[in-house]
Amino acid sequence: MERLKWLLWHGNTFRAERVLSWLEDDLDSEDPGEAQRKLAKYLVEFAGYIRANATWIPNYGERRRCGEAISSAFVESTVNQVVSKPMGGL
């Protein structure tokens, strides 16, 4: 997950999708538990979000090196929406 966070921070959506795919593969089993199924579902949804928004995911590392301002308002809003979403025991 730390690798995924780093890749997204640096705008590398292609490799982030690959990491998510590997995580999904790791969770794939014959008899997954409830928590494993929920996590797999969220990973699939997150991968879809990244694919749909790849064009608008900035490279914050490059922006920081160039001295540009970095706003986290959009990210904070998204995180607040995800956190407030009922996860049913996950």
N, C-alpha and C. Protein backbone atom coordinates (compact mmCIF):
# COMPACT_ATOMS: atom_id res chain seq x y z
N MET A 1 0.83 -1.19 0.00
CA MET A 1 0.00 0.00 0.00
C MET A 1 0.87 1.26 0.00
N GLU A 2 2.02 1.20 0.70
CA GLU A 2 2.91 2.37 0.69
C GLU A 2 3.42 2.63 -0.72
N ARG A 3 3.73 1.58 -1.46
CA ARG A 3 4.19 1.72 -2.84
C ARG A 3 3.09 2.37 -3.70
N LEU A 4 1.88 1.93 -3.49
CA LEU A 4 0.74 2.48 -4.22
C LEU A 4 0.60 3.98 -3.94
N LYS A 5 0.70 4.34 -2.69
CA LYS A 5 0.61 5.76 -2.29
C LYS A 5 1.71 6.58 -2.97
N TRP A 6 2.94 6.06 -2.98
CA TRP A 6 4.06 6.76 -3.60
C TRP A 6 3.82 6.95 -5.09
N LEU A 7 3.38 5.87 -5.76
CA LEU A 7 3.12 5.95 -7.20
C LEU A 7 2.07 6.99 -7.53
N LEU A 8 0.99 7.03 -6.76
CA LEU A 8 -0.06 8.01 -7.02
C LEU A 8 0.41 9.43 -6.71
N TRP A 9 1.21 9.61 -5.67
CA TRP A 9 1.75 10.92 -5.34
C TRP A 9 2.56 11.45 -6.52
N HIS A 10 3.26 10.55 -7.21
CA HIS A 10 4.10 10.94 -8.33
C HIS A 10 3.39 10.80 -9.69
N GLY A 11 2.06 10.65 -9.66
CA GLY A 11 1.27 10.66 -10.87
C GLY A 11 1.43 9.44 -11.76
N ASN A 12 2.01 8.37 -11.24
CA ASN A 12 2.25 7.18 -12.06
C ASN A 12 1.05 6.24 -11.95
N THR A 13 -0.01 6.59 -12.65
CA THR A 13 -1.26 5.82 -12.56
C THR A 13 -1.14 4.45 -13.22
N PHE A 14 -0.32 4.34 -14.27
CA PHE A 14 -0.15 3.05 -14.94
C PHE A 14 0.41 2.01 -13.97
N ARG A 15 1.49 2.37 -13.30
CA ARG A 15 2.10 1.41 -12.35
C ARG A 15 1.22 1.21 -11.12
N ALA A 16 0.48 2.24 -10.72
CA ALA A 16 -0.44 2.10 -9.58
C ALA A 16 -1.51 1.07 -9.91
N GLU A 17 -2.01 1.10 -11.13
CA GLU A 17 -3.00 0.10 -11.54
C GLU A 17 -2.41 -1.30 -11.52
N ARG A 18 -1.15 -1.43 -11.92
CA ARG A 18 -0.49 -2.75 -11.87
C ARG A 18 -0.37 -3.25 -10.44
N VAL A 19 0.01 -2.36 -9.52
CA VAL A 19 0.12 -2.75 -8.11
C VAL A 19 -1.24 -3.18 -7.57
N LEU A 20 -2.29 -2.44 -7.92
CA LEU A 20 -3.64 -2.82 -7.49
C LEU A 20 -4.02 -4.19 -8.05
N SER A 21 -3.65 -4.45 -9.28
CA SER A 21 -3.94 -5.75 -9.89
C SER A 21 -3.22 -6.86 -9.14
N TRP A 22 -1.96 -6.62 -8.77
CA TRP A 22 -1.20 -7.61 -8.00
C TRP A 22 -1.85 -7.85 -6.64
N LEU A 23 -2.30 -6.77 -5.99
CA LEU A 23 -2.97 -6.92 -4.70
C LEU A 23 -4.26 -7.73 -4.84
N GLU A 24 -5.01 -7.46 -5.91
CA GLU A 24 -6.23 -8.22 -6.18
C GLU A 24 -5.90 -9.70 -6.37
N ASP A 25 -4.83 -9.98 -7.12
CA ASP A 25 -4.41 -11.37 -7.34
C ASP A 25 -4.03 -12.03 -6.02
N ASP A 26 -3.35 -11.30 -5.15
CA ASP A 26 -2.96 -11.85 -3.84
C ASP A 26 -4.17 -12.20 -2.99
N LEU A 27 -5.25 -11.44 -3.15
CA LEU A 27 -6.46 -11.68 -2.36
C LEU A 27 -7.35 -12.76 -2.95
N ASP A 28 -7.09 -13.14 -4.19
CA ASP A 28 -7.92 -14.13 -4.88
C ASP A 28 -7.64 -15.52 -4.29
N SER A 29 -8.67 -16.14 -3.75
CA SER A 29 -8.54 -17.49 -3.22
C SER A 29 -9.86 -18.23 -3.39
N GLU A 30 -9.82 -19.54 -3.17
CA GLU A 30 -11.01 -20.38 -3.34
C GLU A 30 -12.10 -20.04 -2.33
N ASP A 31 -11.71 -19.79 -1.09
CA ASP A 31 -12.68 -19.56 -0.03
C ASP A 31 -12.29 -18.31 0.78
N PRO A 32 -12.47 -17.11 0.18
CA PRO A 32 -12.08 -15.90 0.90
C PRO A 32 -13.04 -15.59 2.05
N GLY A 33 -12.48 -15.00 3.10
CA GLY A 33 -13.31 -14.56 4.21
C GLY A 33 -14.04 -13.28 3.86
N GLU A 34 -14.94 -12.87 4.73
CA GLU A 34 -15.74 -11.67 4.50
C GLU A 34 -14.86 -10.43 4.34
N ALA A 35 -13.89 -10.27 5.23
CA ALA A 35 -13.01 -9.09 5.17
C ALA A 35 -12.21 -9.10 3.88
N GLN A 36 -11.76 -10.27 3.45
CA GLN A 36 -10.98 -10.39 2.23
C GLN A 36 -11.83 -10.03 1.00
N ARG A 37 -13.09 -10.47 0.99
CA ARG A 37 -13.99 -10.13 -0.12
C ARG A 37 -14.25 -8.62 -0.18
N LYS A 38 -14.44 -8.01 0.98
CA LYS A 38 -14.70 -6.57 1.03
C LYS A 38 -13.48 -5.79 0.55
N LEU A 39 -12.30 -6.19 1.02
CA LEU A 39 -11.09 -5.50 0.60
C LEU A 39 -10.89 -5.65 -0.90
N ALA A 40 -11.12 -6.83 -1.44
CA ALA A 40 -10.99 -7.06 -2.88
C ALA A 40 -11.96 -6.16 -3.64
N LYS A 41 -13.18 -6.03 -3.14
CA LYS A 41 -14.18 -5.18 -3.78
C LYS A 41 -13.72 -3.72 -3.80
N TYR A 42 -13.19 -3.24 -2.68
CA TYR A 42 -12.72 -1.86 -2.62
C TYR A 42 -11.51 -1.63 -3.52
N LEU A 43 -10.64 -2.63 -3.63
CA LEU A 43 -9.48 -2.50 -4.53
C LEU A 43 -9.94 -2.38 -5.98
N VAL A 44 -10.93 -3.18 -6.36
CA VAL A 44 -11.47 -3.11 -7.73
C VAL A 44 -12.08 -1.73 -7.97
N GLU A 45 -12.85 -1.22 -7.01
CA GLU A 45 -13.45 0.11 -7.14
C GLU A 45 -12.39 1.19 -7.23
N PHE A 46 -11.34 1.07 -6.42
CA PHE A 46 -10.27 2.06 -6.42
C PHE A 46 -9.53 2.04 -7.75
N ALA A 47 -9.28 0.85 -8.30
CA ALA A 47 -8.63 0.73 -9.60
C ALA A 47 -9.49 1.40 -10.68
N GLY A 48 -10.80 1.21 -10.59
CA GLY A 48 -11.71 1.86 -11.54
C GLY A 48 -11.65 3.37 -11.41
N TYR A 49 -11.58 3.86 -10.18
CA TYR A 49 -11.47 5.30 -9.94
C TYR A 49 -10.19 5.85 -10.56
N ILE A 50 -9.09 5.14 -10.36
CA ILE A 50 -7.81 5.60 -10.92
C ILE A 50 -7.88 5.62 -12.44
N ARG A 51 -8.42 4.56 -13.04
CA ARG A 51 -8.54 4.52 -14.51
C ARG A 51 -9.40 5.68 -15.02
N ALA A 52 -10.52 5.93 -14.35
CA ALA A 52 -11.44 6.98 -14.80
C ALA A 52 -10.86 8.38 -14.62
N ASN A 53 -9.96 8.55 -13.66
CA ASN A 53 -9.45 9.88 -13.34
C ASN A 53 -7.96 10.04 -13.59
N ALA A 54 -7.34 9.10 -14.30
CA ALA A 54 -5.89 9.13 -14.51
C ALA A 54 -5.41 10.44 -15.13
N THR A 55 -6.20 10.99 -16.03
CA THR A 55 -5.82 12.23 -16.70
C THR A 55 -5.69 13.39 -15.73
N TRP A 56 -6.46 13.36 -14.66
CA TRP A 56 -6.48 14.49 -13.72
C TRP A 56 -5.67 14.24 -12.45
N ILE A 57 -5.00 13.11 -12.35
CA ILE A 57 -4.17 12.85 -11.16
C ILE A 57 -2.81 13.49 -11.40
N PRO A 58 -2.49 14.54 -10.63
CA PRO A 58 -1.25 15.27 -10.86
C PRO A 58 -0.03 14.56 -10.29
N ASN A 59 1.13 14.98 -10.75
CA ASN A 59 2.40 14.51 -10.22
C ASN A 59 2.83 15.52 -9.15
N TYR A 60 2.48 15.21 -7.91
CA TYR A 60 2.78 16.14 -6.82
C TYR A 60 4.28 16.26 -6.56
N GLY A 61 5.02 15.18 -6.81
CA GLY A 61 6.47 15.23 -6.64
C GLY A 61 7.09 16.27 -7.56
N GLU A 62 6.67 16.25 -8.83
CA GLU A 62 7.17 17.22 -9.81
C GLU A 62 6.74 18.64 -9.42
N ARG A 63 5.51 18.78 -9.01
CA ARG A 63 5.04 20.11 -8.59
C ARG A 63 5.86 20.65 -7.42
N ARG A 64 6.14 19.77 -6.47
CA ARG A 64 6.91 20.20 -5.30
C ARG A 64 8.32 20.63 -5.71
N ARG A 65 8.96 19.84 -6.60
CA ARG A 65 10.31 20.18 -7.06
C ARG A 65 10.33 21.51 -7.80
N CYS A 66 9.23 21.84 -8.46
CA CYS A 66 9.15 23.11 -9.21
C CYS A 66 8.70 24.27 -8.33
N GLY A 67 8.45 24.00 -7.06
CA GLY A 67 8.04 25.05 -6.14
C GLY A 67 6.59 25.47 -6.28
N GLU A 68 5.78 24.65 -6.95
CA GLU A 68 4.37 24.97 -7.13
C GLU A 68 3.58 24.62 -5.87
N ALA A 69 2.49 25.34 -5.68
CA ALA A 69 1.62 25.07 -4.53
C ALA A 69 0.91 23.73 -4.73
N ILE A 70 0.73 23.03 -3.64
CA ILE A 70 0.03 21.74 -3.67
C ILE A 70 -1.19 21.86 -2.78
N SER A 71 -2.37 21.73 -3.38
CA SER A 71 -3.61 21.79 -2.63
C SER A 71 -4.13 20.38 -2.40
N SER A 72 -4.55 20.11 -1.19
CA SER A 72 -5.08 18.78 -0.88
C SER A 72 -6.59 18.83 -0.65
N ALA A 73 -7.24 19.93 -1.01
CA ALA A 73 -8.68 20.08 -0.75
C ALA A 73 -9.49 18.99 -1.43
N PHE A 74 -9.20 18.70 -2.71
CA PHE A 74 -9.94 17.67 -3.43
C PHE A 74 -9.70 16.29 -2.81
N VAL A 75 -8.46 16.00 -2.47
CA VAL A 75 -8.12 14.71 -1.86
C VAL A 75 -8.80 14.58 -0.51
N GLU A 76 -8.76 15.63 0.30
CA GLU A 76 -9.39 15.58 1.61
C GLU A 76 -10.89 15.34 1.48
N SER A 77 -11.51 15.97 0.50
CA SER A 77 -12.94 15.77 0.28
C SER A 77 -13.23 14.31 -0.08
N THR A 78 -12.42 13.74 -0.96
CA THR A 78 -12.60 12.34 -1.36
C THR A 78 -12.40 11.42 -0.17
N VAL A 79 -11.35 11.65 0.61
CA VAL A 79 -11.08 10.82 1.79
C VAL A 79 -12.24 10.91 2.77
N ASN A 80 -12.76 12.11 2.99
CA ASN A 80 -13.90 12.27 3.91
C ASN A 80 -15.11 11.49 3.43
N GLN A 81 -15.35 11.47 2.13
CA GLN A 81 -16.47 10.70 1.58
C GLN A 81 -16.26 9.21 1.80
N VAL A 82 -15.05 8.73 1.57
CA VAL A 82 -14.76 7.30 1.75
C VAL A 82 -14.85 6.91 3.22
N VAL A 83 -14.30 7.74 4.10
CA VAL A 83 -14.31 7.45 5.52
C VAL A 83 -15.74 7.43 6.08
N SER A 84 -16.60 8.30 5.57
CA SER A 84 -17.96 8.36 6.09
C SER A 84 -18.85 7.25 5.51
N LYS A 85 -18.35 6.54 4.51
CA LYS A 85 -19.12 5.46 3.89
C LYS A 85 -19.15 4.25 4.83
N PRO A 86 -20.35 3.72 5.14
CA PRO A 86 -20.42 2.57 6.04
C PRO A 86 -19.76 1.36 5.40
N MET A 87 -18.87 0.71 6.13
CA MET A 87 -18.14 -0.41 5.59
C MET A 87 -18.59 -1.75 6.15
N GLY A 88 -19.56 -1.75 7.03
CA GLY A 88 -20.13 -2.99 7.51
C GLY A 88 -19.14 -3.94 8.17
N GLY A 89 -18.34 -3.44 9.09
CA GLY A 89 -17.47 -4.31 9.86
C GLY A 89 -16.08 -4.51 9.29
N LEU A 90 -15.74 -3.81 8.22
CA LEU A 90 -14.40 -3.97 7.66
C LEU A 90 -13.40 -3.29 8.52
